[in-house]
Amino acid sequence: MDYFRNDTEAATVGGLTIENGIGDVSVHGSLSFKADGASLEMLRALQRRLSDMEIALASVIEEGAFEEAVGVQALETIANPFD
């Protein structure tokens, strides 16, 4: 997958969907791992995908292909109105 460079690719690992975008990647879903060989293979597949994504992100940043992402503001803690 050519991460961060097109919006035409998607992949699945177990119950996760990885959707490629131009300048972003979205991951949706959930995974459950058991103490078995199938879970180990699923975990290894996820690890490979994340490693590839990390390499692609570092490359995109190094190239300056996209502007810096806007920082996410910290969440404000407020009193529970039901207390």
N, C-alpha and C. Protein backbone atom coordinates (compact mmCIF):
# COMPACT_ATOMS: atom_id res chain seq x y z
N MET A 1 0.86 -1.17 0.00
CA MET A 1 0.00 0.00 0.00
C MET A 1 0.90 1.23 0.00
N ASP A 2 0.54 2.20 -0.79
CA ASP A 2 1.31 3.44 -0.89
C ASP A 2 0.72 4.46 0.09
N TYR A 3 1.02 4.26 1.38
CA TYR A 3 0.43 5.06 2.45
C TYR A 3 0.62 6.56 2.24
N PHE A 4 -0.42 7.32 2.54
CA PHE A 4 -0.43 8.78 2.54
C PHE A 4 -0.36 9.40 1.14
N ARG A 5 -0.43 8.60 0.10
CA ARG A 5 -0.20 9.14 -1.24
C ARG A 5 -1.38 8.97 -2.20
N ASN A 6 -2.42 8.26 -1.80
CA ASN A 6 -3.60 8.14 -2.66
C ASN A 6 -4.80 7.79 -1.80
N ASP A 7 -5.96 7.94 -2.37
CA ASP A 7 -7.18 7.63 -1.61
C ASP A 7 -7.97 6.50 -2.27
N THR A 8 -7.24 5.57 -2.86
CA THR A 8 -7.90 4.47 -3.56
C THR A 8 -7.62 3.11 -2.95
N GLU A 9 -6.85 3.04 -1.88
CA GLU A 9 -6.47 1.76 -1.31
C GLU A 9 -7.02 1.58 0.09
N ALA A 10 -7.36 0.33 0.39
CA ALA A 10 -7.77 -0.04 1.74
C ALA A 10 -7.32 -1.48 1.97
N ALA A 11 -7.12 -1.82 3.22
CA ALA A 11 -6.71 -3.17 3.58
C ALA A 11 -7.40 -3.55 4.87
N THR A 12 -7.49 -4.85 5.13
CA THR A 12 -8.04 -5.32 6.39
C THR A 12 -7.05 -6.25 7.07
N VAL A 13 -7.05 -6.16 8.37
CA VAL A 13 -6.31 -7.10 9.22
C VAL A 13 -7.29 -7.50 10.31
N GLY A 14 -7.74 -8.74 10.26
CA GLY A 14 -8.77 -9.16 11.22
C GLY A 14 -9.98 -8.25 11.10
N GLY A 15 -10.36 -7.63 12.21
CA GLY A 15 -11.51 -6.73 12.23
C GLY A 15 -11.16 -5.27 11.99
N LEU A 16 -9.91 -4.98 11.64
CA LEU A 16 -9.51 -3.60 11.38
C LEU A 16 -9.52 -3.32 9.88
N THR A 17 -9.95 -2.14 9.53
CA THR A 17 -9.86 -1.66 8.16
C THR A 17 -8.91 -0.47 8.16
N ILE A 18 -7.94 -0.50 7.27
CA ILE A 18 -6.98 0.58 7.11
C ILE A 18 -7.32 1.26 5.79
N GLU A 19 -7.74 2.52 5.86
CA GLU A 19 -8.13 3.27 4.68
C GLU A 19 -7.08 4.33 4.38
N ASN A 20 -6.51 4.23 3.20
CA ASN A 20 -5.49 5.17 2.78
C ASN A 20 -6.13 6.46 2.29
N GLY A 21 -5.44 7.56 2.50
CA GLY A 21 -5.90 8.85 2.01
C GLY A 21 -4.71 9.67 1.56
N ILE A 22 -4.98 10.77 0.92
CA ILE A 22 -3.91 11.67 0.51
C ILE A 22 -3.56 12.54 1.72
N GLY A 23 -2.45 12.23 2.36
CA GLY A 23 -2.03 12.97 3.53
C GLY A 23 -2.52 12.40 4.84
N ASP A 24 -3.31 11.32 4.81
CA ASP A 24 -3.76 10.71 6.07
C ASP A 24 -4.13 9.25 5.85
N VAL A 25 -4.15 8.51 6.94
CA VAL A 25 -4.57 7.12 6.94
C VAL A 25 -5.53 6.96 8.12
N SER A 26 -6.65 6.28 7.89
CA SER A 26 -7.62 6.03 8.96
C SER A 26 -7.67 4.54 9.26
N VAL A 27 -7.78 4.22 10.54
CA VAL A 27 -7.91 2.83 10.97
C VAL A 27 -9.19 2.72 11.76
N HIS A 28 -10.04 1.77 11.37
CA HIS A 28 -11.34 1.58 12.01
C HIS A 28 -11.51 0.12 12.40
N GLY A 29 -12.27 -0.12 13.45
CA GLY A 29 -12.62 -1.49 13.82
C GLY A 29 -12.02 -1.91 15.13
N SER A 30 -11.98 -3.21 15.34
CA SER A 30 -11.41 -3.75 16.57
C SER A 30 -10.80 -5.12 16.29
N LEU A 31 -9.89 -5.51 17.15
CA LEU A 31 -9.24 -6.81 17.06
C LEU A 31 -9.32 -7.50 18.42
N SER A 32 -9.41 -8.78 18.37
CA SER A 32 -9.36 -9.57 19.60
C SER A 32 -8.33 -10.67 19.37
N PHE A 33 -7.39 -10.78 20.29
CA PHE A 33 -6.35 -11.78 20.17
C PHE A 33 -6.55 -12.88 21.20
N LYS A 34 -6.39 -14.12 20.76
CA LYS A 34 -6.44 -15.28 21.65
C LYS A 34 -5.04 -15.88 21.70
N ALA A 35 -4.86 -16.79 22.58
CA ALA A 35 -3.57 -17.46 22.70
C ALA A 35 -3.52 -18.61 21.70
N ASP A 36 -3.47 -18.24 20.39
CA ASP A 36 -3.41 -19.26 19.36
C ASP A 36 -2.59 -18.77 18.16
N GLY A 37 -2.31 -19.69 17.27
CA GLY A 37 -1.49 -19.37 16.10
C GLY A 37 -2.12 -18.36 15.16
N ALA A 38 -3.44 -18.42 14.99
CA ALA A 38 -4.12 -17.47 14.10
C ALA A 38 -3.98 -16.05 14.62
N SER A 39 -4.08 -15.89 15.92
CA SER A 39 -3.93 -14.55 16.51
C SER A 39 -2.50 -14.05 16.35
N LEU A 40 -1.55 -14.95 16.49
CA LEU A 40 -0.15 -14.56 16.30
C LEU A 40 0.09 -14.08 14.88
N GLU A 41 -0.46 -14.78 13.90
CA GLU A 41 -0.31 -14.36 12.51
C GLU A 41 -1.00 -13.02 12.25
N MET A 42 -2.18 -12.83 12.84
CA MET A 42 -2.90 -11.56 12.68
C MET A 42 -2.09 -10.42 13.30
N LEU A 43 -1.52 -10.65 14.46
CA LEU A 43 -0.70 -9.64 15.12
C LEU A 43 0.53 -9.30 14.29
N ARG A 44 1.14 -10.31 13.72
CA ARG A 44 2.31 -10.07 12.88
C ARG A 44 1.94 -9.31 11.61
N ALA A 45 0.78 -9.60 11.03
CA ALA A 45 0.32 -8.88 9.85
C ALA A 45 0.07 -7.41 10.20
N LEU A 46 -0.54 -7.15 11.35
CA LEU A 46 -0.78 -5.78 11.80
C LEU A 46 0.55 -5.07 12.03
N GLN A 47 1.47 -5.75 12.64
CA GLN A 47 2.79 -5.17 12.91
C GLN A 47 3.49 -4.78 11.62
N ARG A 48 3.41 -5.63 10.59
CA ARG A 48 4.02 -5.31 9.29
C ARG A 48 3.36 -4.08 8.68
N ARG A 49 2.03 -4.04 8.73
CA ARG A 49 1.31 -2.88 8.18
C ARG A 49 1.72 -1.59 8.89
N LEU A 50 1.77 -1.63 10.22
CA LEU A 50 2.13 -0.43 10.98
C LEU A 50 3.57 -0.02 10.72
N SER A 51 4.44 -0.98 10.58
CA SER A 51 5.84 -0.68 10.28
C SER A 51 5.96 -0.02 8.90
N ASP A 52 5.25 -0.55 7.91
CA ASP A 52 5.25 0.05 6.58
C ASP A 52 4.68 1.47 6.62
N MET A 53 3.62 1.65 7.42
CA MET A 53 3.00 2.96 7.54
C MET A 53 3.97 3.95 8.19
N GLU A 54 4.70 3.50 9.20
CA GLU A 54 5.68 4.36 9.87
C GLU A 54 6.77 4.82 8.91
N ILE A 55 7.26 3.91 8.10
CA ILE A 55 8.30 4.25 7.11
C ILE A 55 7.75 5.25 6.10
N ALA A 56 6.52 5.01 5.64
CA ALA A 56 5.90 5.92 4.66
C ALA A 56 5.69 7.30 5.27
N LEU A 57 5.24 7.36 6.52
CA LEU A 57 5.01 8.65 7.17
C LEU A 57 6.31 9.42 7.33
N ALA A 58 7.36 8.74 7.75
CA ALA A 58 8.66 9.40 7.89
C ALA A 58 9.14 9.95 6.55
N SER A 59 8.90 9.20 5.48
CA SER A 59 9.30 9.64 4.15
C SER A 59 8.51 10.87 3.72
N VAL A 60 7.20 10.86 3.95
CA VAL A 60 6.34 11.99 3.58
C VAL A 60 6.75 13.24 4.35
N ILE A 61 7.05 13.09 5.63
CA ILE A 61 7.46 14.23 6.45
C ILE A 61 8.80 14.76 5.96
N GLU A 62 9.73 13.85 5.70
CA GLU A 62 11.06 14.26 5.24
C GLU A 62 10.98 15.02 3.91
N GLU A 63 10.11 14.57 3.03
CA GLU A 63 9.94 15.23 1.73
C GLU A 63 9.20 16.56 1.84
N GLY A 64 8.53 16.77 2.97
CA GLY A 64 7.72 17.97 3.12
C GLY A 64 6.52 17.95 2.19
N ALA A 65 6.03 16.75 1.89
CA ALA A 65 4.95 16.59 0.93
C ALA A 65 3.65 17.24 1.37
N PHE A 66 3.43 17.32 2.66
CA PHE A 66 2.20 17.89 3.18
C PHE A 66 2.54 18.86 4.29
N GLU A 67 1.68 19.85 4.49
CA GLU A 67 1.88 20.80 5.57
C GLU A 67 1.79 20.06 6.91
N GLU A 68 2.41 20.64 7.91
CA GLU A 68 2.30 20.08 9.25
C GLU A 68 0.84 20.01 9.67
N ALA A 69 0.49 18.95 10.33
CA ALA A 69 -0.88 18.80 10.81
C ALA A 69 -1.17 19.84 11.88
N VAL A 70 -2.37 20.28 11.94
CA VAL A 70 -2.79 21.23 12.96
C VAL A 70 -2.80 20.50 14.29
N GLY A 71 -2.21 21.09 15.31
CA GLY A 71 -2.16 20.46 16.62
C GLY A 71 -3.55 20.26 17.21
N VAL A 72 -3.70 19.20 17.91
CA VAL A 72 -4.97 18.91 18.57
C VAL A 72 -4.93 19.52 19.96
N GLN A 73 -5.93 20.30 20.29
CA GLN A 73 -5.97 20.93 21.60
C GLN A 73 -6.28 19.89 22.67
N ALA A 74 -5.71 20.09 23.83
CA ALA A 74 -5.97 19.20 24.95
C ALA A 74 -7.44 19.32 25.35
N LEU A 75 -8.00 18.21 25.76
CA LEU A 75 -9.39 18.23 26.20
C LEU A 75 -9.51 18.94 27.54
N GLU A 76 -10.55 19.69 27.69
CA GLU A 76 -10.81 20.39 28.94
C GLU A 76 -11.67 19.50 29.83
N THR A 77 -11.29 19.35 31.07
CA THR A 77 -12.07 18.58 32.03
C THR A 77 -13.07 19.52 32.69
N ILE A 78 -14.33 19.10 32.66
CA ILE A 78 -15.37 19.92 33.28
C ILE A 78 -16.09 19.08 34.34
N ALA A 79 -16.78 19.75 35.22
CA ALA A 79 -17.52 19.05 36.27
C ALA A 79 -18.67 18.29 35.65
N ASN A 80 -18.97 17.13 36.19
CA ASN A 80 -20.09 16.33 35.72
C ASN A 80 -21.38 17.02 36.15
N PRO A 81 -22.24 17.40 35.22
CA PRO A 81 -23.47 18.12 35.57
C PRO A 81 -24.49 17.23 36.31
N PHE A 82 -24.25 15.94 36.34
CA PHE A 82 -25.19 15.02 36.98
C PHE A 82 -24.78 14.67 38.41
N ASP A 83 -23.65 15.21 38.86
CA ASP A 83 -23.22 14.96 40.24
C ASP A 83 -23.96 15.84 41.21
